[in-house]
Amino acid sequence: MNKSLVLAALIAAAALAACGKKEEAAPAPAAEAPAAVASAADSAASAADAAASAANSAATSAAAAADTAASAAGTAVGNAADAAGAAAAAATSAAASAAADAAHAAASAASK
């Protein structure tokens, strides 16, 4: 009878232990992590493309601005050269006219 009692107690303990256990949650599938990594990689590639496009656009704008500045500088140099030439011509004409007037005045004074 002691063996029967020990055996019954052992079976009861095993049954109670089995009833008290809770089912463990299944671990999350490992396939979700690579999908998130792939999505992040796609986002990073898209951001890199956008940055490259913006840099290209900025470089194009800078080149256009440099061309415009060079053209304006060339025009300014040309205008300055034209103005200097006109001023030199006017000074030469004024000097020649003054010399002619002085010569005429000297000749007029000498003849009196």
PDB file of N, CA and C in Angstrom:
ATOM      1  N   MET A   1       0.817  -1.175   0.000  1.00  0.00           N
ATOM      2  CA  MET A   1       0.000   0.000   0.000  1.00  0.00           C
ATOM      3  C   MET A   1       0.865   1.243   0.000  1.00  0.00           C
ATOM      4  N   ASN A   2       1.989   1.202   0.568  1.00  0.00           N
ATOM      5  CA  ASN A   2       2.870   2.353   0.532  1.00  0.00           C
ATOM      6  C   ASN A   2       3.317   2.629  -0.899  1.00  0.00           C
ATOM      7  N   LYS A   3       3.547   1.579  -1.644  1.00  0.00           N
ATOM      8  CA  LYS A   3       3.949   1.774  -3.036  1.00  0.00           C
ATOM      9  C   LYS A   3       2.805   2.384  -3.822  1.00  0.00           C
ATOM     10  N   SER A   4       1.611   1.961  -3.579  1.00  0.00           N
ATOM     11  CA  SER A   4       0.456   2.507  -4.282  1.00  0.00           C
ATOM     12  C   SER A   4       0.253   3.970  -3.916  1.00  0.00           C
ATOM     13  N   LEU A   5       0.453   4.270  -2.650  1.00  0.00           N
ATOM     14  CA  LEU A   5       0.277   5.647  -2.204  1.00  0.00           C
ATOM     15  C   LEU A   5       1.361   6.552  -2.799  1.00  0.00           C
ATOM     16  N   VAL A   6       2.582   6.080  -2.840  1.00  0.00           N
ATOM     17  CA  VAL A   6       3.673   6.857  -3.427  1.00  0.00           C
ATOM     18  C   VAL A   6       3.442   7.028  -4.917  1.00  0.00           C
ATOM     19  N   LEU A   7       2.987   5.967  -5.573  1.00  0.00           N
ATOM     20  CA  LEU A   7       2.721   6.039  -7.013  1.00  0.00           C
ATOM     21  C   LEU A   7       1.581   6.993  -7.302  1.00  0.00           C
ATOM     22  N   ALA A   8       0.524   6.979  -6.505  1.00  0.00           N
ATOM     23  CA  ALA A   8      -0.613   7.880  -6.696  1.00  0.00           C
ATOM     24  C   ALA A   8      -0.184   9.320  -6.457  1.00  0.00           C
ATOM     25  N   ALA A   9       0.653   9.545  -5.442  1.00  0.00           N
ATOM     26  CA  ALA A   9       1.126  10.896  -5.158  1.00  0.00           C
ATOM     27  C   ALA A   9       2.010  11.406  -6.288  1.00  0.00           C
ATOM     28  N   LEU A  10       2.810  10.517  -6.834  1.00  0.00           N
ATOM     29  CA  LEU A  10       3.683  10.889  -7.947  1.00  0.00           C
ATOM     30  C   LEU A  10       2.874  11.247  -9.185  1.00  0.00           C
ATOM     31  N   ILE A  11       1.843  10.467  -9.485  1.00  0.00           N
ATOM     32  CA  ILE A  11       0.988  10.753 -10.651  1.00  0.00           C
ATOM     33  C   ILE A  11       0.233  12.054 -10.432  1.00  0.00           C
ATOM     34  N   ALA A  12      -0.248  12.285  -9.211  1.00  0.00           N
ATOM     35  CA  ALA A  12      -0.971  13.521  -8.919  1.00  0.00           C
ATOM     36  C   ALA A  12      -0.046  14.727  -9.055  1.00  0.00           C
ATOM     37  N   ALA A  13       1.185  14.595  -8.590  1.00  0.00           N
ATOM     38  CA  ALA A  13       2.141  15.701  -8.701  1.00  0.00           C
ATOM     39  C   ALA A  13       2.462  16.001 -10.156  1.00  0.00           C
ATOM     40  N   ALA A  14       2.621  14.951 -10.964  1.00  0.00           N
ATOM     41  CA  ALA A  14       2.897  15.152 -12.385  1.00  0.00           C
ATOM     42  C   ALA A  14       1.717  15.819 -13.074  1.00  0.00           C
ATOM     43  N   ALA A  15       0.492  15.401 -12.704  1.00  0.00           N
ATOM     44  CA  ALA A  15      -0.701  16.002 -13.311  1.00  0.00           C
ATOM     45  C   ALA A  15      -0.825  17.465 -12.920  1.00  0.00           C
ATOM     46  N   LEU A  16      -0.590  17.770 -11.650  1.00  0.00           N
ATOM     47  CA  LEU A  16      -0.664  19.161 -11.207  1.00  0.00           C
ATOM     48  C   LEU A  16       0.417  20.012 -11.884  1.00  0.00           C
ATOM     49  N   ALA A  17       1.589  19.464 -12.030  1.00  0.00           N
ATOM     50  CA  ALA A  17       2.664  20.203 -12.688  1.00  0.00           C
ATOM     51  C   ALA A  17       2.330  20.464 -14.147  1.00  0.00           C
ATOM     52  N   ALA A  18       1.727  19.473 -14.809  1.00  0.00           N
ATOM     53  CA  ALA A  18       1.361  19.639 -16.216  1.00  0.00           C
ATOM     54  C   ALA A  18       0.235  20.645 -16.373  1.00  0.00           C
ATOM     55  N   CYS A  19      -0.708  20.649 -15.439  1.00  0.00           N
ATOM     56  CA  CYS A  19      -1.829  21.594 -15.527  1.00  0.00           C
ATOM     57  C   CYS A  19      -1.387  23.020 -15.224  1.00  0.00           C
ATOM     58  N   GLY A  20      -0.388  23.182 -14.404  1.00  0.00           N
ATOM     59  CA  GLY A  20       0.059  24.515 -14.023  1.00  0.00           C
ATOM     60  C   GLY A  20       0.955  25.179 -15.052  1.00  0.00           C
ATOM     61  N   LYS A  21       1.456  24.441 -16.004  1.00  0.00           N
ATOM     62  CA  LYS A  21       2.352  25.021 -17.011  1.00  0.00           C
ATOM     63  C   LYS A  21       1.547  25.845 -18.007  1.00  0.00           C
ATOM     64  N   LYS A  22       2.121  26.973 -18.384  1.00  0.00           N
ATOM     65  CA  LYS A  22       1.499  27.794 -19.419  1.00  0.00           C
ATOM     66  C   LYS A  22       2.274  27.573 -20.708  1.00  0.00           C
ATOM     67  N   GLU A  23       1.563  27.654 -21.794  1.00  0.00           N
ATOM     68  CA  GLU A  23       2.218  27.453 -23.090  1.00  0.00           C
ATOM     69  C   GLU A  23       3.081  28.671 -23.391  1.00  0.00           C
ATOM     70  N   GLU A  24       4.302  28.419 -23.775  1.00  0.00           N
ATOM     71  CA  GLU A  24       5.212  29.512 -24.097  1.00  0.00           C
ATOM     72  C   GLU A  24       4.836  30.107 -25.450  1.00  0.00           C
ATOM     73  N   ALA A  25       4.995  31.433 -25.560  1.00  0.00           N
ATOM     74  CA  ALA A  25       4.708  32.098 -26.827  1.00  0.00           C
ATOM     75  C   ALA A  25       5.764  31.689 -27.842  1.00  0.00           C
ATOM     76  N   ALA A  26       5.313  31.523 -29.054  1.00  0.00           N
ATOM     77  CA  ALA A  26       6.239  31.144 -30.121  1.00  0.00           C
ATOM     78  C   ALA A  26       7.163  32.324 -30.396  1.00  0.00           C
ATOM     79  N   PRO A  27       8.431  32.075 -30.622  1.00  0.00           N
ATOM     80  CA  PRO A  27       9.343  33.186 -30.919  1.00  0.00           C
ATOM     81  C   PRO A  27       8.964  33.859 -32.240  1.00  0.00           C
ATOM     82  N   ALA A  28       9.263  35.159 -32.314  1.00  0.00           N
ATOM     83  CA  ALA A  28       8.944  35.914 -33.528  1.00  0.00           C
ATOM     84  C   ALA A  28       9.732  35.347 -34.692  1.00  0.00           C
ATOM     85  N   PRO A  29       9.103  35.309 -35.846  1.00  0.00           N
ATOM     86  CA  PRO A  29       9.823  34.776 -37.006  1.00  0.00           C
ATOM     87  C   PRO A  29      11.019  35.666 -37.349  1.00  0.00           C
ATOM     88  N   ALA A  30      12.091  35.043 -37.734  1.00  0.00           N
ATOM     89  CA  ALA A  30      13.321  35.772 -38.045  1.00  0.00           C
ATOM     90  C   ALA A  30      13.251  36.459 -39.401  1.00  0.00           C
ATOM     91  N   ALA A  31      12.257  36.170 -40.205  1.00  0.00           N
ATOM     92  CA  ALA A  31      12.168  36.747 -41.542  1.00  0.00           C
ATOM     93  C   ALA A  31      11.766  38.214 -41.497  1.00  0.00           C
ATOM     94  N   GLU A  32      11.176  38.681 -40.395  1.00  0.00           N
ATOM     95  CA  GLU A  32      10.752  40.076 -40.327  1.00  0.00           C
ATOM     96  C   GLU A  32      11.948  41.020 -40.269  1.00  0.00           C
ATOM     97  N   ALA A  33      13.015  40.627 -39.623  1.00  0.00           N
ATOM     98  CA  ALA A  33      14.188  41.494 -39.511  1.00  0.00           C
ATOM     99  C   ALA A  33      14.825  41.776 -40.872  1.00  0.00           C
ATOM    100  N   PRO A  34      15.036  40.773 -41.733  1.00  0.00           N
ATOM    101  CA  PRO A  34      15.610  41.100 -43.043  1.00  0.00           C
ATOM    102  C   PRO A  34      14.708  42.018 -43.870  1.00  0.00           C
ATOM    103  N   ALA A  35      13.389  41.885 -43.702  1.00  0.00           N
ATOM    104  CA  ALA A  35      12.486  42.767 -44.441  1.00  0.00           C
ATOM    105  C   ALA A  35      12.667  44.204 -43.978  1.00  0.00           C
ATOM    106  N   ALA A  36      12.821  44.403 -42.670  1.00  0.00           N
ATOM    107  CA  ALA A  36      13.031  45.754 -42.151  1.00  0.00           C
ATOM    108  C   ALA A  36      14.372  46.306 -42.618  1.00  0.00           C
ATOM    109  N   VAL A  37      15.387  45.459 -42.642  1.00  0.00           N
ATOM    110  CA  VAL A  37      16.708  45.896 -43.110  1.00  0.00           C
ATOM    111  C   VAL A  37      16.643  46.264 -44.587  1.00  0.00           C
ATOM    112  N   ALA A  38      15.935  45.473 -45.375  1.00  0.00           N
ATOM    113  CA  ALA A  38      15.808  45.770 -46.804  1.00  0.00           C
ATOM    114  C   ALA A  38      15.062  47.079 -47.016  1.00  0.00           C
ATOM    115  N   SER A  39      14.017  47.305 -46.202  1.00  0.00           N
ATOM    116  CA  SER A  39      13.270  48.552 -46.316  1.00  0.00           C
ATOM    117  C   SER A  39      14.150  49.745 -45.954  1.00  0.00           C
ATOM    118  N   ALA A  40      14.951  49.599 -44.896  1.00  0.00           N
ATOM    119  CA  ALA A  40      15.854  50.683 -44.504  1.00  0.00           C
ATOM    120  C   ALA A  40      16.909  50.924 -45.582  1.00  0.00           C
ATOM    121  N   ALA A  41      17.391  49.857 -46.197  1.00  0.00           N
ATOM    122  CA  ALA A  41      18.386  50.006 -47.264  1.00  0.00           C
ATOM    123  C   ALA A  41      17.778  50.716 -48.471  1.00  0.00           C
ATOM    124  N   ASP A  42      16.523  50.381 -48.797  1.00  0.00           N
ATOM    125  CA  ASP A  42      15.856  51.064 -49.908  1.00  0.00           C
ATOM    126  C   ASP A  42      15.679  52.547 -49.603  1.00  0.00           C
ATOM    127  N   SER A  43      15.293  52.848 -48.355  1.00  0.00           N
ATOM    128  CA  SER A  43      15.121  54.249 -47.969  1.00  0.00           C
ATOM    129  C   SER A  43      16.444  54.997 -48.039  1.00  0.00           C
ATOM    130  N   ALA A  44      17.512  54.356 -47.585  1.00  0.00           N
ATOM    131  CA  ALA A  44      18.829  55.000 -47.638  1.00  0.00           C
ATOM    132  C   ALA A  44      19.271  55.226 -49.078  1.00  0.00           C
ATOM    133  N   ALA A  45      19.014  54.258 -49.946  1.00  0.00           N
ATOM    134  CA  ALA A  45      19.382  54.413 -51.356  1.00  0.00           C
ATOM    135  C   ALA A  45      18.583  55.537 -51.998  1.00  0.00           C
ATOM    136  N   SER A  46      17.306  55.626 -51.646  1.00  0.00           N
ATOM    137  CA  SER A  46      16.467  56.694 -52.183  1.00  0.00           C
ATOM    138  C   SER A  46      16.962  58.058 -51.706  1.00  0.00           C
ATOM    139  N   ALA A  47      17.329  58.141 -50.427  1.00  0.00           N
ATOM    140  CA  ALA A  47      17.849  59.401 -49.895  1.00  0.00           C
ATOM    141  C   ALA A  47      19.172  59.767 -50.560  1.00  0.00           C
ATOM    142  N   ALA A  48      20.011  58.776 -50.817  1.00  0.00           N
ATOM    143  CA  ALA A  48      21.285  59.040 -51.491  1.00  0.00           C
ATOM    144  C   ALA A  48      21.053  59.538 -52.914  1.00  0.00           C
ATOM    145  N   ASP A  49      20.081  58.950 -53.611  1.00  0.00           N
ATOM    146  CA  ASP A  49      19.758  59.413 -54.961  1.00  0.00           C
ATOM    147  C   ASP A  49      19.261  60.855 -54.937  1.00  0.00           C
ATOM    148  N   ALA A  50      18.402  61.163 -53.953  1.00  0.00           N
ATOM    149  CA  ALA A  50      17.883  62.527 -53.842  1.00  0.00           C
ATOM    150  C   ALA A  50      19.008  63.512 -53.549  1.00  0.00           C
ATOM    151  N   ALA A  51      19.942  63.121 -52.686  1.00  0.00           N
ATOM    152  CA  ALA A  51      21.073  63.998 -52.366  1.00  0.00           C
ATOM    153  C   ALA A  51      21.965  64.209 -53.585  1.00  0.00           C
ATOM    154  N   ALA A  52      22.190  63.152 -54.351  1.00  0.00           N
ATOM    155  CA  ALA A  52      23.009  63.276 -55.557  1.00  0.00           C
ATOM    156  C   ALA A  52      22.334  64.182 -56.577  1.00  0.00           C
ATOM    157  N   SER A  53      21.021  64.051 -56.702  1.00  0.00           N
ATOM    158  CA  SER A  53      20.280  64.899 -57.632  1.00  0.00           C
ATOM    159  C   SER A  53      20.353  66.363 -57.204  1.00  0.00           C
ATOM    160  N   ALA A  54      20.208  66.607 -55.899  1.00  0.00           N
ATOM    161  CA  ALA A  54      20.285  67.979 -55.394  1.00  0.00           C
ATOM    162  C   ALA A  54      21.679  68.560 -55.603  1.00  0.00           C
ATOM    163  N   ALA A  55      22.703  67.750 -55.388  1.00  0.00           N
ATOM    164  CA  ALA A  55      24.075  68.220 -55.599  1.00  0.00           C
ATOM    165  C   ALA A  55      24.321  68.540 -57.068  1.00  0.00           C
ATOM    166  N   ASN A  56      23.798  67.707 -57.960  1.00  0.00           N
ATOM    167  CA  ASN A  56      23.948  67.947 -59.392  1.00  0.00           C
ATOM    168  C   ASN A  56      23.239  69.237 -59.789  1.00  0.00           C
ATOM    169  N   SER A  57      22.039  69.436 -59.246  1.00  0.00           N
ATOM    170  CA  SER A  57      21.294  70.655 -59.540  1.00  0.00           C
ATOM    171  C   SER A  57      22.034  71.887 -59.032  1.00  0.00           C
ATOM    172  N   ALA A  58      22.604  71.789 -57.836  1.00  0.00           N
ATOM    173  CA  ALA A  58      23.355  72.917 -57.277  1.00  0.00           C
ATOM    174  C   ALA A  58      24.597  73.216 -58.113  1.00  0.00           C
ATOM    175  N   ALA A  59      25.272  72.168 -58.571  1.00  0.00           N
ATOM    176  CA  ALA A  59      26.459  72.369 -59.402  1.00  0.00           C
ATOM    177  C   ALA A  59      26.092  73.026 -60.726  1.00  0.00           C
ATOM    178  N   THR A  60      24.981  72.604 -61.313  1.00  0.00           N
ATOM    179  CA  THR A  60      24.522  73.200 -62.568  1.00  0.00           C
ATOM    180  C   THR A  60      24.186  74.671 -62.370  1.00  0.00           C
ATOM    181  N   SER A  61      23.491  74.980 -61.267  1.00  0.00           N
ATOM    182  CA  SER A  61      23.144  76.375 -60.976  1.00  0.00           C
ATOM    183  C   SER A  61      24.392  77.214 -60.741  1.00  0.00           C
ATOM    184  N   ALA A  62      25.368  76.656 -60.039  1.00  0.00           N
ATOM    185  CA  ALA A  62      26.610  77.392 -59.785  1.00  0.00           C
ATOM    186  C   ALA A  62      27.360  77.661 -61.082  1.00  0.00           C
ATOM    187  N   ALA A  63      27.371  76.677 -61.978  1.00  0.00           N
ATOM    188  CA  ALA A  63      28.047  76.870 -63.265  1.00  0.00           C
ATOM    189  C   ALA A  63      27.351  77.949 -64.086  1.00  0.00           C
ATOM    190  N   ALA A  64      26.019  77.948 -64.069  1.00  0.00           N
ATOM    191  CA  ALA A  64      25.274  78.970 -64.803  1.00  0.00           C
ATOM    192  C   ALA A  64      25.541  80.353 -64.220  1.00  0.00           C
ATOM    193  N   ALA A  65      25.598  80.442 -62.893  1.00  0.00           N
ATOM    194  CA  ALA A  65      25.879  81.729 -62.251  1.00  0.00           C
ATOM    195  C   ALA A  65      27.287  82.208 -62.589  1.00  0.00           C
ATOM    196  N   ALA A  66      28.236  81.285 -62.637  1.00  0.00           N
ATOM    197  CA  ALA A  66      29.609  81.653 -62.995  1.00  0.00           C
ATOM    198  C   ALA A  66      29.680  82.150 -64.435  1.00  0.00           C
ATOM    199  N   ASP A  67      28.949  81.484 -65.333  1.00  0.00           N
ATOM    200  CA  ASP A  67      28.922  81.933 -66.727  1.00  0.00           C
ATOM    201  C   ASP A  67      28.326  83.330 -66.836  1.00  0.00           C
ATOM    202  N   THR A  68      27.242  83.571 -66.098  1.00  0.00           N
ATOM    203  CA  THR A  68      26.601  84.886 -66.121  1.00  0.00           C
ATOM    204  C   THR A  68      27.545  85.953 -65.576  1.00  0.00           C
ATOM    205  N   ALA A  69      28.238  85.634 -64.489  1.00  0.00           N
ATOM    206  CA  ALA A  69      29.179  86.594 -63.903  1.00  0.00           C
ATOM    207  C   ALA A  69      30.331  86.883 -64.859  1.00  0.00           C
ATOM    208  N   ALA A  70      30.831  85.851 -65.524  1.00  0.00           N
ATOM    209  CA  ALA A  70      31.926  86.047 -66.478  1.00  0.00           C
ATOM    210  C   ALA A  70      31.476  86.909 -67.648  1.00  0.00           C
ATOM    211  N   SER A  71      30.259  86.673 -68.114  1.00  0.00           N
ATOM    212  CA  SER A  71      29.731  87.471 -69.218  1.00  0.00           C
ATOM    213  C   SER A  71      29.568  88.929 -68.802  1.00  0.00           C
ATOM    214  N   ALA A  72      29.045  89.138 -67.588  1.00  0.00           N
ATOM    215  CA  ALA A  72      28.864  90.509 -67.099  1.00  0.00           C
ATOM    216  C   ALA A  72      30.211  91.201 -66.922  1.00  0.00           C
ATOM    217  N   ALA A  73      31.206  90.466 -66.427  1.00  0.00           N
ATOM    218  CA  ALA A  73      32.538  91.050 -66.266  1.00  0.00           C
ATOM    219  C   ALA A  73      33.135  91.416 -67.619  1.00  0.00           C
ATOM    220  N   GLY A  74      32.949  90.542 -68.604  1.00  0.00           N
ATOM    221  CA  GLY A  74      33.448  90.834 -69.948  1.00  0.00           C
ATOM    222  C   GLY A  74      32.785  92.067 -70.531  1.00  0.00           C
ATOM    223  N   THR A  75      31.492  92.203 -70.332  1.00  0.00           N
ATOM    224  CA  THR A  75      30.765  93.375 -70.818  1.00  0.00           C
ATOM    225  C   THR A  75      31.259  94.636 -70.119  1.00  0.00           C
ATOM    226  N   ALA A  76      31.483  94.546 -68.808  1.00  0.00           N
ATOM    227  CA  ALA A  76      31.964  95.709 -68.054  1.00  0.00           C
ATOM    228  C   ALA A  76      33.348  96.134 -68.526  1.00  0.00           C
ATOM    229  N   VAL A  77      34.218  95.167 -68.780  1.00  0.00           N
ATOM    230  CA  VAL A  77      35.563  95.490 -69.279  1.00  0.00           C
ATOM    231  C   VAL A  77      35.468  96.158 -70.649  1.00  0.00           C
ATOM    232  N   GLY A  78      34.611  95.622 -71.502  1.00  0.00           N
ATOM    233  CA  GLY A  78      34.437  96.219 -72.828  1.00  0.00           C
ATOM    234  C   GLY A  78      33.908  97.639 -72.743  1.00  0.00           C
ATOM    235  N   ASN A  79      32.929  97.856 -71.867  1.00  0.00           N
ATOM    236  CA  ASN A  79      32.371  99.204 -71.701  1.00  0.00           C
ATOM    237  C   ASN A  79      33.417 100.165 -71.135  1.00  0.00           C
ATOM    238  N   ALA A  80      34.229  99.679 -70.189  1.00  0.00           N
ATOM    239  CA  ALA A  80      35.276 100.543 -69.624  1.00  0.00           C
ATOM    240  C   ALA A  80      36.311 100.909 -70.681  1.00  0.00           C
ATOM    241  N   ALA A  81      36.663  99.957 -71.523  1.00  0.00           N
ATOM    242  CA  ALA A  81      37.630 100.238 -72.590  1.00  0.00           C
ATOM    243  C   ALA A  81      37.061 101.249 -73.576  1.00  0.00           C
ATOM    244  N   ASP A  82      35.784 101.100 -73.909  1.00  0.00           N
ATOM    245  CA  ASP A  82      35.151 102.059 -74.821  1.00  0.00           C
ATOM    246  C   ASP A  82      35.134 103.459 -74.212  1.00  0.00           C
ATOM    247  N   ALA A  83      34.796 103.532 -72.913  1.00  0.00           N
ATOM    248  CA  ALA A  83      34.744 104.837 -72.251  1.00  0.00           C
ATOM    249  C   ALA A  83      36.134 105.461 -72.178  1.00  0.00           C
ATOM    250  N   ALA A  84      37.150 104.641 -71.897  1.00  0.00           N
ATOM    251  CA  ALA A  84      38.521 105.166 -71.847  1.00  0.00           C
ATOM    252  C   ALA A  84      38.954 105.666 -73.215  1.00  0.00           C
ATOM    253  N   GLY A  85      38.601 104.935 -74.254  1.00  0.00           N
ATOM    254  CA  GLY A  85      38.942 105.367 -75.613  1.00  0.00           C
ATOM    255  C   GLY A  85      38.259 106.672 -75.971  1.00  0.00           C
ATOM    256  N   ALA A  86      36.987 106.799 -75.596  1.00  0.00           N
ATOM    257  CA  ALA A  86      36.264 108.043 -75.891  1.00  0.00           C
ATOM    258  C   ALA A  86      36.855 109.213 -75.111  1.00  0.00           C
ATOM    259  N   ALA A  87      37.233 108.962 -73.848  1.00  0.00           N
ATOM    260  CA  ALA A  87      37.834 110.030 -73.043  1.00  0.00           C
ATOM    261  C   ALA A  87      39.179 110.450 -73.623  1.00  0.00           C
ATOM    262  N   ALA A  88      39.970 109.489 -74.079  1.00  0.00           N
ATOM    263  CA  ALA A  88      41.266 109.818 -74.682  1.00  0.00           C
ATOM    264  C   ALA A  88      41.074 110.617 -75.963  1.00  0.00           C
ATOM    265  N   ALA A  89      40.091 110.231 -76.759  1.00  0.00           N
ATOM    266  CA  ALA A  89      39.826 110.967 -78.004  1.00  0.00           C
ATOM    267  C   ALA A  89      39.367 112.383 -77.707  1.00  0.00           C
ATOM    268  N   ALA A  90      38.513 112.530 -76.688  1.00  0.00           N
ATOM    269  CA  ALA A  90      38.035 113.867 -76.326  1.00  0.00           C
ATOM    270  C   ALA A  90      39.183 114.721 -75.798  1.00  0.00           C
ATOM    271  N   ALA A  91      40.067 114.118 -74.991  1.00  0.00           N
ATOM    272  CA  ALA A  91      41.212 114.869 -74.461  1.00  0.00           C
ATOM    273  C   ALA A  91      42.154 115.283 -75.582  1.00  0.00           C
ATOM    274  N   THR A  92      42.377 114.382 -76.532  1.00  0.00           N
ATOM    275  CA  THR A  92      43.247 114.701 -77.670  1.00  0.00           C
ATOM    276  C   THR A  92      42.653 115.833 -78.497  1.00  0.00           C
ATOM    277  N   SER A  93      41.352 115.765 -78.723  1.00  0.00           N
ATOM    278  CA  SER A  93      40.682 116.809 -79.508  1.00  0.00           C
ATOM    279  C   SER A  93      40.728 118.147 -78.785  1.00  0.00           C
ATOM    280  N   ALA A  94      40.505 118.105 -77.460  1.00  0.00           N
ATOM    281  CA  ALA A  94      40.538 119.350 -76.687  1.00  0.00           C
ATOM    282  C   ALA A  94      41.945 119.936 -76.677  1.00  0.00           C
ATOM    283  N   ALA A  95      42.959 119.074 -76.550  1.00  0.00           N
ATOM    284  CA  ALA A  95      44.343 119.563 -76.555  1.00  0.00           C
ATOM    285  C   ALA A  95      44.694 120.156 -77.909  1.00  0.00           C
ATOM    286  N   ALA A  96      44.270 119.494 -78.970  1.00  0.00           N
ATOM    287  CA  ALA A  96      44.558 120.013 -80.316  1.00  0.00           C
ATOM    288  C   ALA A  96      43.849 121.336 -80.543  1.00  0.00           C
ATOM    289  N   SER A  97      42.619 121.442 -80.071  1.00  0.00           N
ATOM    290  CA  SER A  97      41.868 122.688 -80.234  1.00  0.00           C
ATOM    291  C   SER A  97      42.513 123.812 -79.431  1.00  0.00           C
ATOM    292  N   ALA A  98      42.956 123.465 -78.192  1.00  0.00           N
ATOM    293  CA  ALA A  98      43.617 124.493 -77.365  1.00  0.00           C
ATOM    294  C   ALA A  98      44.930 124.934 -77.999  1.00  0.00           C
ATOM    295  N   ALA A  99      45.673 123.997 -78.562  1.00  0.00           N
ATOM    296  CA  ALA A  99      46.938 124.348 -79.214  1.00  0.00           C
ATOM    297  C   ALA A  99      46.683 125.222 -80.429  1.00  0.00           C
ATOM    298  N   ALA A 100      45.652 124.908 -81.178  1.00  0.00           N
ATOM    299  CA  ALA A 100      45.326 125.716 -82.356  1.00  0.00           C
ATOM    300  C   ALA A 100      44.899 127.116 -81.949  1.00  0.00           C
ATOM    301  N   ASP A 101      44.114 127.198 -80.884  1.00  0.00           N
ATOM    302  CA  ASP A 101      43.683 128.517 -80.402  1.00  0.00           C
ATOM    303  C   ASP A 101      44.881 129.335 -79.911  1.00  0.00           C
ATOM    304  N   ALA A 102      45.808 128.662 -79.227  1.00  0.00           N
ATOM    305  CA  ALA A 102      46.999 129.364 -78.729  1.00  0.00           C
ATOM    306  C   ALA A 102      47.859 129.845 -79.893  1.00  0.00           C
ATOM    307  N   ALA A 103      48.001 129.012 -80.906  1.00  0.00           N
ATOM    308  CA  ALA A 103      48.790 129.407 -82.072  1.00  0.00           C
ATOM    309  C   ALA A 103      48.121 130.566 -82.798  1.00  0.00           C
ATOM    310  N   HIS A 104      46.822 130.531 -82.912  1.00  0.00           N
ATOM    311  CA  HIS A 104      46.089 131.610 -83.577  1.00  0.00           C
ATOM    312  C   HIS A 104      46.224 132.909 -82.782  1.00  0.00           C
ATOM    313  N   ALA A 105      46.141 132.787 -81.456  1.00  0.00           N
ATOM    314  CA  ALA A 105      46.276 133.985 -80.614  1.00  0.00           C
ATOM    315  C   ALA A 105      47.689 134.551 -80.715  1.00  0.00           C
ATOM    316  N   ALA A 106      48.683 133.681 -80.760  1.00  0.00           N
ATOM    317  CA  ALA A 106      50.066 134.145 -80.870  1.00  0.00           C
ATOM    318  C   ALA A 106      50.293 134.817 -82.218  1.00  0.00           C
ATOM    319  N   ALA A 107      49.748 134.240 -83.257  1.00  0.00           N
ATOM    320  CA  ALA A 107      49.904 134.835 -84.588  1.00  0.00           C
ATOM    321  C   ALA A 107      49.187 136.175 -84.669  1.00  0.00           C
ATOM    322  N   SER A 108      48.054 136.248 -84.042  1.00  0.00           N
ATOM    323  CA  SER A 108      47.293 137.498 -84.053  1.00  0.00           C
ATOM    324  C   SER A 108      48.031 138.581 -83.270  1.00  0.00           C
ATOM    325  N   ALA A 109      48.631 138.181 -82.157  1.00  0.00           N
ATOM    326  CA  ALA A 109      49.372 139.152 -81.347  1.00  0.00           C
ATOM    327  C   ALA A 109      50.644 139.590 -82.065  1.00  0.00           C
ATOM    328  N   ALA A 110      51.263 138.715 -82.790  1.00  0.00           N
ATOM    329  CA  ALA A 110      52.493 139.047 -83.493  1.00  0.00           C
ATOM    330  C   ALA A 110      52.208 139.980 -84.665  1.00  0.00           C
ATOM    331  N   SER A 111      51.060 139.859 -85.255  1.00  0.00           N
ATOM    332  CA  SER A 111      50.763 140.701 -86.406  1.00  0.00           C
ATOM    333  C   SER A 111      50.350 142.107 -86.001  1.00  0.00           C
ATOM    334  N   LYS A 112      50.108 142.406 -84.806  1.00  0.00           N
ATOM    335  CA  LYS A 112      49.687 143.740 -84.395  1.00  0.00           C
ATOM    336  C   LYS A 112      50.830 144.578 -84.087  1.00  0.00           C
TER     337      LYS A 112
END
